[in-house]
PDB file of N, CA and C in Angstrom:
ATOM      1  N   UNK A   1     -60.146 -15.022  -5.264  1.00  0.00           N
ATOM      2  CA  UNK A   1     -59.178 -14.074  -4.750  1.00  0.00           C
ATOM      3  C   UNK A   1     -59.845 -12.723  -4.555  1.00  0.00           C
ATOM      4  N   UNK A   2     -59.441 -12.092  -3.510  1.00  0.00           N
ATOM      5  CA  UNK A   2     -60.018 -10.777  -3.254  1.00  0.00           C
ATOM      6  C   UNK A   2     -59.268  -9.714  -4.057  1.00  0.00           C
ATOM      7  N   UNK A   3     -59.850  -8.565  -4.125  1.00  0.00           N
ATOM      8  CA  UNK A   3     -59.276  -7.445  -4.868  1.00  0.00           C
ATOM      9  C   UNK A   3     -57.917  -7.067  -4.271  1.00  0.00           C
ATOM     10  N   UNK A   4     -57.803  -7.181  -2.965  1.00  0.00           N
ATOM     11  CA  UNK A   4     -56.549  -6.841  -2.295  1.00  0.00           C
ATOM     12  C   UNK A   4     -55.418  -7.759  -2.748  1.00  0.00           C
ATOM     13  N   UNK A   5     -55.680  -9.072  -2.873  1.00  0.00           N
ATOM     14  CA  UNK A   5     -54.665 -10.036  -3.311  1.00  0.00           C
ATOM     15  C   UNK A   5     -54.242  -9.777  -4.759  1.00  0.00           C
ATOM     16  N   UNK A   6     -55.193  -9.417  -5.582  1.00  0.00           N
ATOM     17  CA  UNK A   6     -54.890  -9.134  -6.986  1.00  0.00           C
ATOM     18  C   UNK A   6     -53.999  -7.896  -7.083  1.00  0.00           C
ATOM     19  N   UNK A   7     -54.323  -6.846  -6.347  1.00  0.00           N
ATOM     20  CA  UNK A   7     -53.512  -5.631  -6.362  1.00  0.00           C
ATOM     21  C   UNK A   7     -52.106  -5.883  -5.817  1.00  0.00           C
ATOM     22  N   UNK A   8     -51.993  -6.672  -4.754  1.00  0.00           N
ATOM     23  CA  UNK A   8     -50.682  -7.003  -4.205  1.00  0.00           C
ATOM     24  C   UNK A   8     -49.862  -7.829  -5.197  1.00  0.00           C
ATOM     25  N   UNK A   9     -50.531  -8.741  -5.889  1.00  0.00           N
ATOM     26  CA  UNK A   9     -49.846  -9.563  -6.894  1.00  0.00           C
ATOM     27  C   UNK A   9     -49.349  -8.698  -8.046  1.00  0.00           C
ATOM     28  N   UNK A  10     -50.171  -7.765  -8.501  1.00  0.00           N
ATOM     29  CA  UNK A  10     -49.765  -6.863  -9.578  1.00  0.00           C
ATOM     30  C   UNK A  10     -48.604  -5.966  -9.135  1.00  0.00           C
ATOM     31  N   UNK A  11     -48.678  -5.463  -7.930  1.00  0.00           N
ATOM     32  CA  UNK A  11     -47.609  -4.604  -7.413  1.00  0.00           C
ATOM     33  C   UNK A  11     -46.300  -5.383  -7.312  1.00  0.00           C
ATOM     34  N   UNK A  12     -46.382  -6.640  -6.895  1.00  0.00           N
ATOM     35  CA  UNK A  12     -45.193  -7.477  -6.797  1.00  0.00           C
ATOM     36  C   UNK A  12     -44.601  -7.756  -8.181  1.00  0.00           C
ATOM     37  N   UNK A  13     -45.461  -8.034  -9.153  1.00  0.00           N
ATOM     38  CA  UNK A  13     -44.984  -8.277 -10.527  1.00  0.00           C
ATOM     39  C   UNK A  13     -44.292  -7.045 -11.100  1.00  0.00           C
ATOM     40  N   UNK A  14     -44.863  -5.871 -10.871  1.00  0.00           N
ATOM     41  CA  UNK A  14     -44.266  -4.630 -11.366  1.00  0.00           C
ATOM     42  C   UNK A  14     -42.923  -4.392 -10.685  1.00  0.00           C
ATOM     43  N   UNK A  15     -42.856  -4.628  -9.395  1.00  0.00           N
ATOM     44  CA  UNK A  15     -41.614  -4.408  -8.658  1.00  0.00           C
ATOM     45  C   UNK A  15     -40.514  -5.359  -9.132  1.00  0.00           C
ATOM     46  N   UNK A  16     -40.870  -6.591  -9.445  1.00  0.00           N
ATOM     47  CA  UNK A  16     -39.866  -7.573  -9.864  1.00  0.00           C
ATOM     48  C   UNK A  16     -39.413  -7.368 -11.306  1.00  0.00           C
ATOM     49  N   UNK A  17     -40.283  -6.823 -12.143  1.00  0.00           N
ATOM     50  CA  UNK A  17     -39.918  -6.650 -13.549  1.00  0.00           C
ATOM     51  C   UNK A  17     -39.410  -5.258 -13.869  1.00  0.00           C
ATOM     52  N   UNK A  18     -39.448  -4.341 -12.924  1.00  0.00           N
ATOM     53  CA  UNK A  18     -38.940  -2.984 -13.154  1.00  0.00           C
ATOM     54  C   UNK A  18     -37.430  -3.044 -13.358  1.00  0.00           C
ATOM     55  N   UNK A  19     -36.915  -2.236 -14.267  1.00  0.00           N
ATOM     56  CA  UNK A  19     -35.463  -2.262 -14.497  1.00  0.00           C
ATOM     57  C   UNK A  19     -34.696  -1.816 -13.263  1.00  0.00           C
ATOM     58  N   UNK A  20     -33.624  -2.490 -13.004  1.00  0.00           N
ATOM     59  CA  UNK A  20     -32.773  -2.142 -11.866  1.00  0.00           C
ATOM     60  C   UNK A  20     -31.782  -1.089 -12.344  1.00  0.00           C
ATOM     61  N   UNK A  21     -31.722   0.028 -11.631  1.00  0.00           N
ATOM     62  CA  UNK A  21     -30.869   1.136 -12.061  1.00  0.00           C
ATOM     63  C   UNK A  21     -29.696   1.364 -11.117  1.00  0.00           C
ATOM     64  N   UNK A  22     -29.317   0.361 -10.360  1.00  0.00           N
ATOM     65  CA  UNK A  22     -28.186   0.527  -9.451  1.00  0.00           C
ATOM     66  C   UNK A  22     -26.902   0.698 -10.265  1.00  0.00           C
ATOM     67  N   UNK A  23     -26.118   1.655  -9.869  1.00  0.00           N
ATOM     68  CA  UNK A  23     -24.877   1.942 -10.569  1.00  0.00           C
ATOM     69  C   UNK A  23     -23.786   1.015 -10.041  1.00  0.00           C
ATOM     70  N   UNK A  24     -23.033   0.412 -10.939  1.00  0.00           N
ATOM     71  CA  UNK A  24     -21.951  -0.476 -10.543  1.00  0.00           C
ATOM     72  C   UNK A  24     -20.704   0.335 -10.217  1.00  0.00           C
ATOM     73  N   UNK A  25     -19.846  -0.249  -9.419  1.00  0.00           N
ATOM     74  CA  UNK A  25     -18.573   0.384  -9.094  1.00  0.00           C
ATOM     75  C   UNK A  25     -17.609   0.131 -10.243  1.00  0.00           C
ATOM     76  N   UNK A  26     -16.921   1.157 -10.663  1.00  0.00           N
ATOM     77  CA  UNK A  26     -15.976   1.046 -11.767  1.00  0.00           C
ATOM     78  C   UNK A  26     -14.610   1.534 -11.292  1.00  0.00           C
ATOM     79  N   UNK A  27     -13.572   0.833 -11.701  1.00  0.00           N
ATOM     80  CA  UNK A  27     -12.203   1.202 -11.333  1.00  0.00           C
ATOM     81  C   UNK A  27     -11.335   1.284 -12.583  1.00  0.00           C
ATOM     82  N   UNK A  28     -10.364   2.174 -12.530  1.00  0.00           N
ATOM     83  CA  UNK A  28      -9.451   2.312 -13.653  1.00  0.00           C
ATOM     84  C   UNK A  28      -8.091   2.746 -13.119  1.00  0.00           C
ATOM     85  N   UNK A  29      -7.045   2.195 -13.708  1.00  0.00           N
ATOM     86  CA  UNK A  29      -5.695   2.636 -13.372  1.00  0.00           C
ATOM     87  C   UNK A  29      -5.372   3.848 -14.214  1.00  0.00           C
ATOM     88  N   UNK A  30      -4.886   4.880 -13.547  1.00  0.00           N
ATOM     89  CA  UNK A  30      -4.512   6.098 -14.250  1.00  0.00           C
ATOM     90  C   UNK A  30      -3.037   6.360 -14.004  1.00  0.00           C
ATOM     91  N   UNK A  31      -2.409   7.036 -14.961  1.00  0.00           N
ATOM     92  CA  UNK A  31      -0.985   7.317 -14.864  1.00  0.00           C
ATOM     93  C   UNK A  31      -0.677   8.690 -15.443  1.00  0.00           C
ATOM     94  N   UNK A  32       0.452   9.240 -15.002  1.00  0.00           N
ATOM     95  CA  UNK A  32       0.928  10.508 -15.545  1.00  0.00           C
ATOM     96  C   UNK A  32       2.450  10.474 -15.550  1.00  0.00           C
ATOM     97  N   UNK A  33       3.055  10.846 -16.686  1.00  0.00           N
ATOM     98  CA  UNK A  33       4.515  10.814 -16.838  1.00  0.00           C
ATOM     99  C   UNK A  33       5.104  12.209 -16.919  1.00  0.00           C
ATOM    100  N   UNK A  34       6.313  12.338 -16.365  1.00  0.00           N
ATOM    101  CA  UNK A  34       7.053  13.597 -16.403  1.00  0.00           C
ATOM    102  C   UNK A  34       8.496  13.279 -16.784  1.00  0.00           C
ATOM    103  N   UNK A  35       9.051  14.057 -17.685  1.00  0.00           N
ATOM    104  CA  UNK A  35      10.426  13.891 -18.133  1.00  0.00           C
ATOM    105  C   UNK A  35      11.205  15.144 -17.736  1.00  0.00           C
ATOM    106  N   UNK A  36      12.275  14.978 -16.933  1.00  0.00           N
ATOM    107  CA  UNK A  36      13.031  16.143 -16.480  1.00  0.00           C
ATOM    108  C   UNK A  36      14.407  15.700 -16.002  1.00  0.00           C
ATOM    109  N   UNK A  37      15.278  16.673 -15.752  1.00  0.00           N
ATOM    110  CA  UNK A  37      16.618  16.384 -15.255  1.00  0.00           C
ATOM    111  C   UNK A  37      16.560  16.063 -13.781  1.00  0.00           C
ATOM    112  N   UNK A  38      17.431  15.159 -13.338  1.00  0.00           N
ATOM    113  CA  UNK A  38      17.427  14.706 -11.962  1.00  0.00           C
ATOM    114  C   UNK A  38      16.352  13.651 -11.782  1.00  0.00           C
ATOM    115  N   UNK A  39      16.208  13.174 -10.562  1.00  0.00           N
ATOM    116  CA  UNK A  39      15.205  12.139 -10.299  1.00  0.00           C
ATOM    117  C   UNK A  39      14.149  12.612  -9.301  1.00  0.00           C
ATOM    118  N   UNK A  40      14.550  13.455  -8.348  1.00  0.00           N
ATOM    119  CA  UNK A  40      13.608  13.906  -7.320  1.00  0.00           C
ATOM    120  C   UNK A  40      12.518  14.801  -7.899  1.00  0.00           C
ATOM    121  N   UNK A  41      12.889  15.714  -8.770  1.00  0.00           N
ATOM    122  CA  UNK A  41      11.917  16.637  -9.374  1.00  0.00           C
ATOM    123  C   UNK A  41      10.837  15.932 -10.171  1.00  0.00           C
ATOM    124  N   UNK A  42      11.201  15.062 -11.126  1.00  0.00           N
ATOM    125  CA  UNK A  42      10.163  14.386 -11.902  1.00  0.00           C
ATOM    126  C   UNK A  42       9.311  13.438 -11.063  1.00  0.00           C
ATOM    127  N   UNK A  43       9.900  12.854 -10.014  1.00  0.00           N
ATOM    128  CA  UNK A  43       9.117  11.981  -9.125  1.00  0.00           C
ATOM    129  C   UNK A  43       8.042  12.799  -8.421  1.00  0.00           C
ATOM    130  N   UNK A  44       8.447  13.926  -7.845  1.00  0.00           N
ATOM    131  CA  UNK A  44       7.514  14.805  -7.128  1.00  0.00           C
ATOM    132  C   UNK A  44       6.452  15.373  -8.079  1.00  0.00           C
ATOM    133  N   UNK A  45       6.889  15.799  -9.267  1.00  0.00           N
ATOM    134  CA  UNK A  45       5.963  16.384 -10.238  1.00  0.00           C
ATOM    135  C   UNK A  45       4.964  15.349 -10.765  1.00  0.00           C
ATOM    136  N   UNK A  46       5.430  14.126 -11.011  1.00  0.00           N
ATOM    137  CA  UNK A  46       4.527  13.076 -11.514  1.00  0.00           C
ATOM    138  C   UNK A  46       3.429  12.788 -10.500  1.00  0.00           C
ATOM    139  N   UNK A  47       3.782  12.736  -9.208  1.00  0.00           N
ATOM    140  CA  UNK A  47       2.764  12.498  -8.172  1.00  0.00           C
ATOM    141  C   UNK A  47       1.768  13.651  -8.102  1.00  0.00           C
ATOM    142  N   UNK A  48       2.274  14.883  -8.128  1.00  0.00           N
ATOM    143  CA  UNK A  48       1.390  16.053  -8.038  1.00  0.00           C
ATOM    144  C   UNK A  48       0.490  16.160  -9.265  1.00  0.00           C
ATOM    145  N   UNK A  49       1.060  15.942 -10.447  1.00  0.00           N
ATOM    146  CA  UNK A  49       0.271  16.078 -11.668  1.00  0.00           C
ATOM    147  C   UNK A  49      -0.683  14.902 -11.878  1.00  0.00           C
ATOM    148  N   UNK A  50      -0.397  13.755 -11.257  1.00  0.00           N
ATOM    149  CA  UNK A  50      -1.345  12.645 -11.305  1.00  0.00           C
ATOM    150  C   UNK A  50      -2.648  13.041 -10.621  1.00  0.00           C
ATOM    151  N   UNK A  51      -2.546  13.723  -9.482  1.00  0.00           N
ATOM    152  CA  UNK A  51      -3.751  14.186  -8.785  1.00  0.00           C
ATOM    153  C   UNK A  51      -4.567  15.133  -9.663  1.00  0.00           C
ATOM    154  N   UNK A  52      -3.886  16.037 -10.358  1.00  0.00           N
ATOM    155  CA  UNK A  52      -4.566  16.979 -11.251  1.00  0.00           C
ATOM    156  C   UNK A  52      -5.229  16.217 -12.403  1.00  0.00           C
ATOM    157  N   UNK A  53      -4.519  15.241 -12.949  1.00  0.00           N
ATOM    158  CA  UNK A  53      -5.042  14.430 -14.054  1.00  0.00           C
ATOM    159  C   UNK A  53      -6.288  13.651 -13.628  1.00  0.00           C
ATOM    160  N   UNK A  54      -6.234  13.043 -12.449  1.00  0.00           N
ATOM    161  CA  UNK A  54      -7.378  12.280 -11.938  1.00  0.00           C
ATOM    162  C   UNK A  54      -8.578  13.201 -11.752  1.00  0.00           C
ATOM    163  N   UNK A  55      -8.360  14.358 -11.139  1.00  0.00           N
ATOM    164  CA  UNK A  55      -9.450  15.321 -10.911  1.00  0.00           C
ATOM    165  C   UNK A  55     -10.081  15.740 -12.241  1.00  0.00           C
ATOM    166  N   UNK A  56      -9.245  16.013 -13.244  1.00  0.00           N
ATOM    167  CA  UNK A  56      -9.745  16.425 -14.554  1.00  0.00           C
ATOM    168  C   UNK A  56     -10.597  15.325 -15.186  1.00  0.00           C
ATOM    169  N   UNK A  57     -10.113  14.087 -15.140  1.00  0.00           N
ATOM    170  CA  UNK A  57     -10.850  12.966 -15.744  1.00  0.00           C
ATOM    171  C   UNK A  57     -12.166  12.701 -15.013  1.00  0.00           C
ATOM    172  N   UNK A  58     -12.175  12.830 -13.701  1.00  0.00           N
ATOM    173  CA  UNK A  58     -13.412  12.611 -12.946  1.00  0.00           C
ATOM    174  C   UNK A  58     -14.410  13.733 -13.232  1.00  0.00           C
ATOM    175  N   UNK A  59     -13.916  14.963 -13.387  1.00  0.00           N
ATOM    176  CA  UNK A  59     -14.796  16.075 -13.754  1.00  0.00           C
ATOM    177  C   UNK A  59     -15.415  15.851 -15.131  1.00  0.00           C
ATOM    178  N   UNK A  60     -14.604  15.336 -16.086  1.00  0.00           N
ATOM    179  CA  UNK A  60     -15.118  15.045 -17.431  1.00  0.00           C
ATOM    180  C   UNK A  60     -16.218  13.984 -17.390  1.00  0.00           C
ATOM    181  N   UNK A  61     -16.107  13.032 -16.488  1.00  0.00           N
ATOM    182  CA  UNK A  61     -17.108  11.971 -16.353  1.00  0.00           C
ATOM    183  C   UNK A  61     -18.305  12.403 -15.497  1.00  0.00           C
ATOM    184  N   UNK A  62     -18.188  13.549 -14.843  1.00  0.00           N
ATOM    185  CA  UNK A  62     -19.254  14.016 -13.973  1.00  0.00           C
ATOM    186  C   UNK A  62     -19.270  13.304 -12.631  1.00  0.00           C
ATOM    187  N   UNK A  63     -18.135  12.745 -12.240  1.00  0.00           N
ATOM    188  CA  UNK A  63     -18.026  12.006 -10.979  1.00  0.00           C
ATOM    189  C   UNK A  63     -17.550  12.963  -9.895  1.00  0.00           C
ATOM    190  N   UNK A  64     -18.292  13.030  -8.793  1.00  0.00           N
ATOM    191  CA  UNK A  64     -17.900  13.902  -7.688  1.00  0.00           C
ATOM    192  C   UNK A  64     -17.264  13.121  -6.540  1.00  0.00           C
ATOM    193  N   UNK A  65     -17.660  11.857  -6.375  1.00  0.00           N
ATOM    194  CA  UNK A  65     -17.104  11.040  -5.293  1.00  0.00           C
ATOM    195  C   UNK A  65     -16.320   9.890  -5.895  1.00  0.00           C
ATOM    196  N   UNK A  66     -15.044   9.845  -5.565  1.00  0.00           N
ATOM    197  CA  UNK A  66     -14.178   8.773  -6.042  1.00  0.00           C
ATOM    198  C   UNK A  66     -13.086   8.531  -5.012  1.00  0.00           C
ATOM    199  N   UNK A  67     -12.468   7.370  -5.092  1.00  0.00           N
ATOM    200  CA  UNK A  67     -11.369   7.045  -4.190  1.00  0.00           C
ATOM    201  C   UNK A  67     -10.126   6.751  -5.011  1.00  0.00           C
ATOM    202  N   UNK A  68      -9.007   7.193  -4.489  1.00  0.00           N
ATOM    203  CA  UNK A  68      -7.727   6.954  -5.137  1.00  0.00           C
ATOM    204  C   UNK A  68      -6.928   5.990  -4.277  1.00  0.00           C
ATOM    205  N   UNK A  69      -6.468   4.908  -4.891  1.00  0.00           N
ATOM    206  CA  UNK A  69      -5.677   3.921  -4.164  1.00  0.00           C
ATOM    207  C   UNK A  69      -4.246   4.390  -3.966  1.00  0.00           C
ATOM    208  N   UNK A  70      -3.409   3.462  -3.534  1.00  0.00           N
ATOM    209  CA  UNK A  70      -2.005   3.759  -3.279  1.00  0.00           C
ATOM    210  C   UNK A  70      -1.323   4.202  -4.580  1.00  0.00           C
ATOM    211  N   UNK A  71      -0.528   5.238  -4.466  1.00  0.00           N
ATOM    212  CA  UNK A  71       0.195   5.760  -5.627  1.00  0.00           C
ATOM    213  C   UNK A  71       1.600   5.165  -5.647  1.00  0.00           C
ATOM    214  N   UNK A  72       2.030   4.788  -6.850  1.00  0.00           N
ATOM    215  CA  UNK A  72       3.391   4.295  -7.019  1.00  0.00           C
ATOM    216  C   UNK A  72       4.056   5.090  -8.134  1.00  0.00           C
ATOM    217  N   UNK A  73       5.376   5.166  -8.079  1.00  0.00           N
ATOM    218  CA  UNK A  73       6.135   5.886  -9.094  1.00  0.00           C
ATOM    219  C   UNK A  73       7.261   4.990  -9.589  1.00  0.00           C
ATOM    220  N   UNK A  74       7.420   4.936 -10.897  1.00  0.00           N
ATOM    221  CA  UNK A  74       8.579   4.250 -11.468  1.00  0.00           C
ATOM    222  C   UNK A  74       9.324   5.254 -12.335  1.00  0.00           C
ATOM    223  N   UNK A  75      10.653   5.199 -12.281  1.00  0.00           N
ATOM    224  CA  UNK A  75      11.491   6.111 -13.048  1.00  0.00           C
ATOM    225  C   UNK A  75      12.455   5.315 -13.919  1.00  0.00           C
ATOM    226  N   UNK A  76      12.627   5.794 -15.133  1.00  0.00           N
ATOM    227  CA  UNK A  76      13.575   5.181 -16.069  1.00  0.00           C
ATOM    228  C   UNK A  76      14.538   6.251 -16.542  1.00  0.00           C
ATOM    229  N   UNK A  77      15.805   5.865 -16.650  1.00  0.00           N
ATOM    230  CA  UNK A  77      16.822   6.777 -17.143  1.00  0.00           C
ATOM    231  C   UNK A  77      16.564   7.034 -18.625  1.00  0.00           C
ATOM    232  N   UNK A  78      16.414   8.301 -18.983  1.00  0.00           N
ATOM    233  CA  UNK A  78      16.134   8.678 -20.367  1.00  0.00           C
ATOM    234  C   UNK A  78      17.429   9.053 -21.086  1.00  0.00           C
ATOM    235  N   UNK A  79      18.215   9.932 -20.469  1.00  0.00           N
ATOM    236  CA  UNK A  79      19.508  10.339 -21.021  1.00  0.00           C
ATOM    237  C   UNK A  79      20.568  10.304 -19.929  1.00  0.00           C
ATOM    238  N   UNK A  80      21.713   9.733 -20.238  1.00  0.00           N
ATOM    239  CA  UNK A  80      22.829   9.712 -19.304  1.00  0.00           C
ATOM    240  C   UNK A  80      23.898  10.633 -19.863  1.00  0.00           C
ATOM    241  N   UNK A  81      23.964  11.851 -19.339  1.00  0.00           N
ATOM    242  CA  UNK A  81      24.870  12.864 -19.869  1.00  0.00           C
ATOM    243  C   UNK A  81      26.057  13.139 -18.935  1.00  0.00           C
ATOM    244  N   UNK A  82      26.524  12.125 -18.250  1.00  0.00           N
ATOM    245  CA  UNK A  82      27.675  12.159 -17.349  1.00  0.00           C
ATOM    246  C   UNK A  82      27.536  13.218 -16.247  1.00  0.00           C
ATOM    247  N   UNK A  83      27.395  14.484 -16.604  1.00  0.00           N
ATOM    248  CA  UNK A  83      27.285  15.551 -15.610  1.00  0.00           C
ATOM    249  C   UNK A  83      25.906  15.540 -14.947  1.00  0.00           C
ATOM    250  N   UNK A  84      24.871  15.280 -15.719  1.00  0.00           N
ATOM    251  CA  UNK A  84      23.513  15.211 -15.185  1.00  0.00           C
ATOM    252  C   UNK A  84      22.720  14.183 -15.985  1.00  0.00           C
ATOM    253  N   UNK A  85      21.704  13.637 -15.355  1.00  0.00           N
ATOM    254  CA  UNK A  85      20.885  12.602 -15.975  1.00  0.00           C
ATOM    255  C   UNK A  85      19.453  13.099 -16.138  1.00  0.00           C
ATOM    256  N   UNK A  86      18.802  12.593 -17.163  1.00  0.00           N
ATOM    257  CA  UNK A  86      17.406  12.934 -17.404  1.00  0.00           C
ATOM    258  C   UNK A  86      16.564  11.673 -17.208  1.00  0.00           C
ATOM    259  N   UNK A  87      15.498  11.789 -16.409  1.00  0.00           N
ATOM    260  CA  UNK A  87      14.641  10.653 -16.092  1.00  0.00           C
ATOM    261  C   UNK A  87      13.218  10.886 -16.581  1.00  0.00           C
ATOM    262  N   UNK A  88      12.552   9.796 -16.918  1.00  0.00           N
ATOM    263  CA  UNK A  88      11.112   9.809 -17.165  1.00  0.00           C
ATOM    264  C   UNK A  88      10.471   9.061 -16.005  1.00  0.00           C
ATOM    265  N   UNK A  89       9.669   9.762 -15.218  1.00  0.00           N
ATOM    266  CA  UNK A  89       9.004   9.163 -14.064  1.00  0.00           C
ATOM    267  C   UNK A  89       7.495   9.115 -14.324  1.00  0.00           C
ATOM    268  N   UNK A  90       6.907   7.973 -14.009  1.00  0.00           N
ATOM    269  CA  UNK A  90       5.475   7.782 -14.204  1.00  0.00           C
ATOM    270  C   UNK A  90       4.842   7.416 -12.869  1.00  0.00           C
ATOM    271  N   UNK A  91       3.809   8.161 -12.492  1.00  0.00           N
ATOM    272  CA  UNK A  91       3.054   7.886 -11.265  1.00  0.00           C
ATOM    273  C   UNK A  91       1.778   7.140 -11.648  1.00  0.00           C
ATOM    274  N   UNK A  92       1.442   6.092 -10.882  1.00  0.00           N
ATOM    275  CA  UNK A  92       0.267   5.266 -11.129  1.00  0.00           C
ATOM    276  C   UNK A  92      -0.625   5.264  -9.896  1.00  0.00           C
ATOM    277  N   UNK A  93      -1.943   5.169 -10.119  1.00  0.00           N
ATOM    278  CA  UNK A  93      -2.893   5.005  -9.023  1.00  0.00           C
ATOM    279  C   UNK A  93      -4.169   4.374  -9.575  1.00  0.00           C
ATOM    280  N   UNK A  94      -4.806   3.552  -8.758  1.00  0.00           N
ATOM    281  CA  UNK A  94      -6.087   2.953  -9.102  1.00  0.00           C
ATOM    282  C   UNK A  94      -7.182   3.885  -8.578  1.00  0.00           C
ATOM    283  N   UNK A  95      -8.107   4.270  -9.444  1.00  0.00           N
ATOM    284  CA  UNK A  95      -9.183   5.190  -9.069  1.00  0.00           C
ATOM    285  C   UNK A  95     -10.516   4.462  -9.235  1.00  0.00           C
ATOM    286  N   UNK A  96     -11.352   4.509  -8.192  1.00  0.00           N
ATOM    287  CA  UNK A  96     -12.663   3.848  -8.229  1.00  0.00           C
ATOM    288  C   UNK A  96     -13.763   4.864  -7.949  1.00  0.00           C
ATOM    289  N   UNK A  97     -14.908   4.669  -8.593  1.00  0.00           N
ATOM    290  CA  UNK A  97     -16.076   5.516  -8.391  1.00  0.00           C
ATOM    291  C   UNK A  97     -17.320   4.674  -8.595  1.00  0.00           C
ATOM    292  N   UNK A  98     -18.450   5.204  -8.166  1.00  0.00           N
ATOM    293  CA  UNK A  98     -19.710   4.482  -8.290  1.00  0.00           C
ATOM    294  C   UNK A  98     -20.068   3.793  -6.983  1.00  0.00           C
ATOM    295  N   UNK A  99     -21.055   2.896  -7.065  1.00  0.00           N
ATOM    296  CA  UNK A  99     -21.569   2.212  -5.888  1.00  0.00           C
ATOM    297  C   UNK A  99     -21.108   0.769  -5.854  1.00  0.00           C
ATOM    298  N   UNK A 100     -21.258   0.145  -4.721  1.00  0.00           N
ATOM    299  CA  UNK A 100     -21.000  -1.283  -4.597  1.00  0.00           C
ATOM    300  C   UNK A 100     -19.541  -1.602  -4.350  1.00  0.00           C
ATOM    301  N   UNK A 101     -19.274  -2.892  -4.100  1.00  0.00           N
ATOM    302  CA  UNK A 101     -17.909  -3.311  -3.816  1.00  0.00           C
ATOM    303  C   UNK A 101     -17.070  -3.360  -5.091  1.00  0.00           C
ATOM    304  N   UNK A 102     -15.774  -3.318  -4.924  1.00  0.00           N
ATOM    305  CA  UNK A 102     -14.868  -3.438  -6.060  1.00  0.00           C
ATOM    306  C   UNK A 102     -14.895  -4.887  -6.521  1.00  0.00           C
ATOM    307  N   UNK A 103     -15.312  -5.114  -7.774  1.00  0.00           N
ATOM    308  CA  UNK A 103     -15.403  -6.475  -8.287  1.00  0.00           C
ATOM    309  C   UNK A 103     -14.230  -6.820  -9.180  1.00  0.00           C
ATOM    310  N   UNK A 104     -13.725  -5.856  -9.905  1.00  0.00           N
ATOM    311  CA  UNK A 104     -12.565  -6.113 -10.757  1.00  0.00           C
ATOM    312  C   UNK A 104     -11.885  -4.791 -11.071  1.00  0.00           C
ATOM    313  N   UNK A 105     -10.634  -4.891 -11.478  1.00  0.00           N
ATOM    314  CA  UNK A 105      -9.920  -3.708 -11.926  1.00  0.00           C
ATOM    315  C   UNK A 105      -9.852  -3.762 -13.436  1.00  0.00           C
ATOM    316  N   UNK A 106      -9.927  -2.607 -14.070  1.00  0.00           N
ATOM    317  CA  UNK A 106      -9.946  -2.582 -15.527  1.00  0.00           C
ATOM    318  C   UNK A 106      -8.614  -3.008 -16.134  1.00  0.00           C
ATOM    319  N   UNK A 107      -7.527  -2.744 -15.452  1.00  0.00           N
ATOM    320  CA  UNK A 107      -6.219  -3.168 -15.932  1.00  0.00           C
ATOM    321  C   UNK A 107      -5.248  -3.151 -14.761  1.00  0.00           C
ATOM    322  N   UNK A 108      -4.250  -3.987 -14.815  1.00  0.00           N
ATOM    323  CA  UNK A 108      -3.287  -4.070 -13.728  1.00  0.00           C
ATOM    324  C   UNK A 108      -2.248  -2.965 -13.867  1.00  0.00           C
ATOM    325  N   UNK A 109      -1.878  -2.389 -12.751  1.00  0.00           N
ATOM    326  CA  UNK A 109      -0.845  -1.358 -12.762  1.00  0.00           C
ATOM    327  C   UNK A 109       0.512  -2.019 -12.950  1.00  0.00           C
ATOM    328  N   UNK A 110       1.369  -1.419 -13.765  1.00  0.00           N
ATOM    329  CA  UNK A 110       2.696  -1.999 -13.934  1.00  0.00           C
ATOM    330  C   UNK A 110       3.498  -1.881 -12.652  1.00  0.00           C
ATOM    331  N   UNK A 111       4.349  -2.843 -12.413  1.00  0.00           N
ATOM    332  CA  UNK A 111       5.165  -2.795 -11.208  1.00  0.00           C
ATOM    333  C   UNK A 111       6.300  -1.797 -11.409  1.00  0.00           C
ATOM    334  N   UNK A 112       6.663  -1.074 -10.347  1.00  0.00           N
ATOM    335  CA  UNK A 112       7.728  -0.087 -10.465  1.00  0.00           C
ATOM    336  C   UNK A 112       9.051  -0.747 -10.865  1.00  0.00           C
ATOM    337  N   UNK A 113       9.826  -0.048 -11.666  1.00  0.00           N
ATOM    338  CA  UNK A 113      11.119  -0.548 -12.120  1.00  0.00           C
ATOM    339  C   UNK A 113      12.197   0.016 -11.215  1.00  0.00           C
ATOM    340  N   UNK A 114      13.076  -0.848 -10.723  1.00  0.00           N
ATOM    341  CA  UNK A 114      14.179  -0.387  -9.885  1.00  0.00           C
ATOM    342  C   UNK A 114      15.371  -0.063 -10.770  1.00  0.00           C
ATOM    343  N   UNK A 115      15.998   1.074 -10.471  1.00  0.00           N
ATOM    344  CA  UNK A 115      17.177   1.480 -11.225  1.00  0.00           C
ATOM    345  C   UNK A 115      18.402   0.776 -10.683  1.00  0.00           C
ATOM    346  N   UNK A 116      19.327   0.517 -11.562  1.00  0.00           N
ATOM    347  CA  UNK A 116      20.556  -0.175 -11.142  1.00  0.00           C
ATOM    348  C   UNK A 116      21.623   0.796 -10.755  1.00  0.00           C
TER     349      UNK A 116
END
């Protein structure tokens, strides 16, 4: 074997055994709840504050590029006071960051509850 073949073989071995540092894509369902009188206010606030919550969590992780999936809101009656009602509304969204295709979700988002 010539010196060139030996060097190419060594370079190939190093390339194949070098650790792969590709970052995997990670997804997580995030939620934010708001408790307030009426239903429209807590629904709107839960959606707005979910965005703030997601931004804060991504900043804590040092993530600058992420995608937010479809947002859903479910509301449950907390207090029924005849004159006015108090609701707890929770906004959910799937957030993904990193490289590569989405392979799995860390947890399933709960389905919205319909009020009767």
